Protein backbone atom coordinates (compact mmCIF):
# COMPACT_ATOMS: atom_id res chain seq x y z
CA MET A 1 41.64 172.76 97.44
CA SER A 2 45.41 172.66 97.72
CA LEU A 3 47.81 175.53 97.39
CA THR A 4 51.43 175.49 96.35
CA HIS A 5 54.03 176.83 98.74
CA HIS A 6 54.79 180.51 98.34
CA PRO A 7 58.55 180.79 98.97
CA ARG A 8 58.34 184.14 100.77
CA PHE A 9 55.03 183.55 102.54
CA TRP A 10 56.22 184.32 106.09
CA ARG A 11 58.57 187.14 105.15
CA ASP A 12 55.75 188.80 103.19
CA PHE A 13 53.10 188.13 105.86
CA ASN A 14 51.75 191.35 107.32
CA VAL A 15 50.14 191.15 110.76
CA ALA A 16 48.59 194.62 110.28
CA VAL A 17 46.71 193.32 107.23
CA LEU A 18 45.48 190.40 109.34
CA ALA A 19 44.26 192.79 112.05
CA ASP A 20 42.44 194.84 109.43
CA ALA A 21 40.81 191.71 107.96
CA MET A 22 39.72 190.57 111.42
CA SER A 23 38.16 193.96 112.09
CA ARG A 24 36.31 193.96 108.76
CA HIS A 25 34.92 190.44 109.19
CA MET A 26 34.37 190.54 112.96
CA PRO A 27 33.89 194.25 113.77
CA ASN A 28 33.39 193.67 117.52
CA TRP A 29 36.24 191.24 118.17
CA ARG A 30 38.26 193.79 120.16
CA THR A 31 35.29 194.52 122.46
CA THR A 32 35.09 191.05 124.02
CA ALA A 33 36.09 190.94 127.68
CA GLU A 34 39.27 188.99 127.01
CA MET A 35 40.42 191.32 124.23
CA ARG A 36 39.67 194.48 126.23
CA LYS A 37 41.89 193.25 129.07
CA GLY A 38 45.06 193.22 126.96
CA GLY A 39 44.19 190.11 124.99
CA ALA A 40 44.45 191.88 121.64
CA ASP A 41 47.94 193.16 122.46
CA ARG A 42 49.03 189.70 123.62
CA LEU A 43 47.51 188.14 120.51
CA PHE A 44 49.45 190.42 118.18
CA GLN A 45 52.68 190.06 120.16
CA GLU A 46 52.36 186.29 119.80
CA LEU A 47 51.54 186.60 116.10
CA ASP A 48 54.59 188.84 115.58
CA ARG A 49 56.75 186.24 117.34
CA ILE A 50 55.33 183.39 115.24
CA VAL A 51 55.84 185.33 112.01
CA ALA A 52 59.43 186.18 112.99
CA ILE A 53 60.27 182.54 113.78
CA ASN A 54 58.70 181.24 110.59
CA SER A 55 60.36 183.99 108.52
CA PHE A 56 63.71 183.00 109.98
CA ASP A 57 63.11 179.31 109.16
CA GLU A 58 61.98 180.21 105.65
CA ALA A 59 65.04 182.39 104.96
CA ASN A 60 67.39 179.71 106.26
CA ALA A 61 65.73 177.07 104.10
CA GLU A 62 66.15 179.22 101.01
CA ILE A 63 69.85 179.67 101.78
CA LEU A 64 70.19 175.88 102.11
CA LEU A 65 68.20 175.40 98.90
CA ALA A 66 70.78 177.47 97.02
CA LEU A 67 73.53 175.00 98.02
CA ALA A 68 74.36 172.05 95.82
CA VAL A 69 72.47 169.00 97.12
CA GLY A 70 75.70 167.23 98.11
CA LYS A 71 76.88 170.23 100.16
CA ARG A 72 73.69 170.66 102.19
CA PRO A 73 73.70 169.72 105.87
CA GLU A 74 71.56 166.66 106.53
CA THR A 75 70.91 166.71 110.27
CA PRO A 76 69.34 169.37 112.49
CA SER A 77 72.61 169.91 114.40
CA SER A 78 74.73 170.20 111.24
CA ALA A 79 72.12 172.52 109.69
CA PHE A 80 72.21 174.72 112.80
CA ALA A 81 76.01 174.78 112.75
CA TRP A 82 76.03 175.70 109.05
CA ILE A 83 73.36 178.41 109.50
CA ALA A 84 75.17 179.88 112.52
CA ALA A 85 78.48 179.94 110.63
CA GLU A 86 76.82 181.53 107.58
CA LEU A 87 75.11 184.22 109.66
CA ALA A 88 78.37 184.96 111.48
CA ARG A 89 80.26 185.13 108.16
CA LYS A 90 77.70 187.63 106.82
CA GLY A 91 77.91 189.73 110.00
CA LEU A 92 74.26 189.18 110.87
CA ALA A 93 74.80 189.07 114.63
CA ALA A 94 71.18 189.88 115.50
CA ARG A 95 69.91 186.96 113.44
CA LEU A 96 72.59 184.73 114.92
CA GLU A 97 71.34 185.55 118.43
CA PHE A 98 67.84 184.67 117.26
CA ALA A 99 69.13 181.24 116.17
CA ARG A 100 71.05 180.39 119.34
CA PRO A 101 68.27 179.87 121.91
CA ASP A 102 66.84 176.86 120.13
CA ASP A 103 69.98 175.33 118.58
CA GLU A 104 68.75 172.19 116.84
CA ARG A 105 65.20 173.52 116.40
CA CYS A 106 66.64 176.12 114.05
CA GLY A 107 68.31 173.43 111.94
CA GLU A 108 65.35 171.07 112.15
CA LYS A 109 62.84 173.68 110.98
CA ALA A 110 65.15 174.93 108.21
CA LEU A 111 65.44 171.35 106.91
CA ASP A 112 61.67 170.93 107.22
CA VAL A 113 60.98 174.06 105.15
CA LEU A 114 63.74 173.06 102.71
CA TYR A 115 61.92 169.77 102.12
CA CYS A 116 58.66 171.64 101.49
CA LEU A 117 60.38 173.98 99.01
CA GLU A 118 61.98 171.08 97.18
CA GLN A 119 58.64 169.31 96.94
CA ALA A 120 56.89 172.50 95.78
CA LYS A 121 59.39 172.80 92.92
CA GLN A 122 58.19 169.36 91.81
CA GLY A 123 54.54 170.34 92.15
CA VAL A 124 53.98 168.31 95.33
CA VAL A 125 52.16 170.04 98.17
CA VAL A 126 53.48 169.17 101.63
CA GLU A 127 51.87 170.61 104.72
CA ARG A 128 53.93 171.15 107.84
CA THR A 129 52.56 169.94 111.16
CA GLY A 130 51.76 173.49 112.29
CA THR A 131 49.69 174.05 109.15
CA ILE A 132 47.73 170.87 109.71
CA VAL A 133 47.04 171.82 113.33
CA ALA A 134 46.05 175.37 112.36
CA LYS A 135 43.64 174.10 109.72
CA ALA A 136 42.08 171.61 112.14
CA TYR A 137 41.64 174.38 114.73
CA ARG A 138 40.20 176.75 112.13
CA ASP A 139 37.75 174.11 110.93
CA ALA A 140 36.65 173.30 114.49
CA VAL A 141 36.09 176.99 115.33
CA MET A 142 34.20 177.58 112.09
CA LYS A 143 31.99 174.55 112.78
CA ARG A 144 31.34 175.68 116.37
CA ASP A 145 30.51 179.21 115.24
CA ALA A 146 28.18 177.91 112.51
CA GLN A 147 26.38 175.76 115.10
CA ARG A 148 26.02 178.75 117.45
CA THR A 149 24.67 180.89 114.62
CA THR A 150 22.17 178.20 113.63
CA PHE A 151 21.11 177.76 117.28
CA ARG A 152 20.61 181.52 117.74
CA ALA A 153 18.68 181.78 114.50
CA LYS A 154 16.32 179.02 115.65
CA GLN A 155 15.82 180.76 119.01
CA CYS A 156 14.89 184.02 117.31
CA SER A 157 12.36 182.47 114.95
């Protein structure tokens, strides 16, 4: 199954909804030793950080998408420079500070998301590296958990 890119996916992502879903599907997840010792707080702090970074990349890509193709920056450094200038022009100092620590990463990721948005407009699904890694991890964990469940079921019978 393939899904098309939702342009506001990261900006609409709600970590609280994720926490609720985790609790409904795995009611005891917070009671594991690692989670009781601050792991849950660290997990959600990291998720908040990831969502903020991806939201920033997504918003920047949409700004670039609105530009005429010939006026768009083409390199990570020129994309960063354009984004920084645009944020400064709009008086978004807080967002500009968020962009500065990673310089070219900001431009590189905005161009990456821009490419995905352009492809999505044409009906082509493109998965970013992080998505591919996340899916591989998810699949491995699901397989491991299924094997554990099967093993436990056999022990009990």
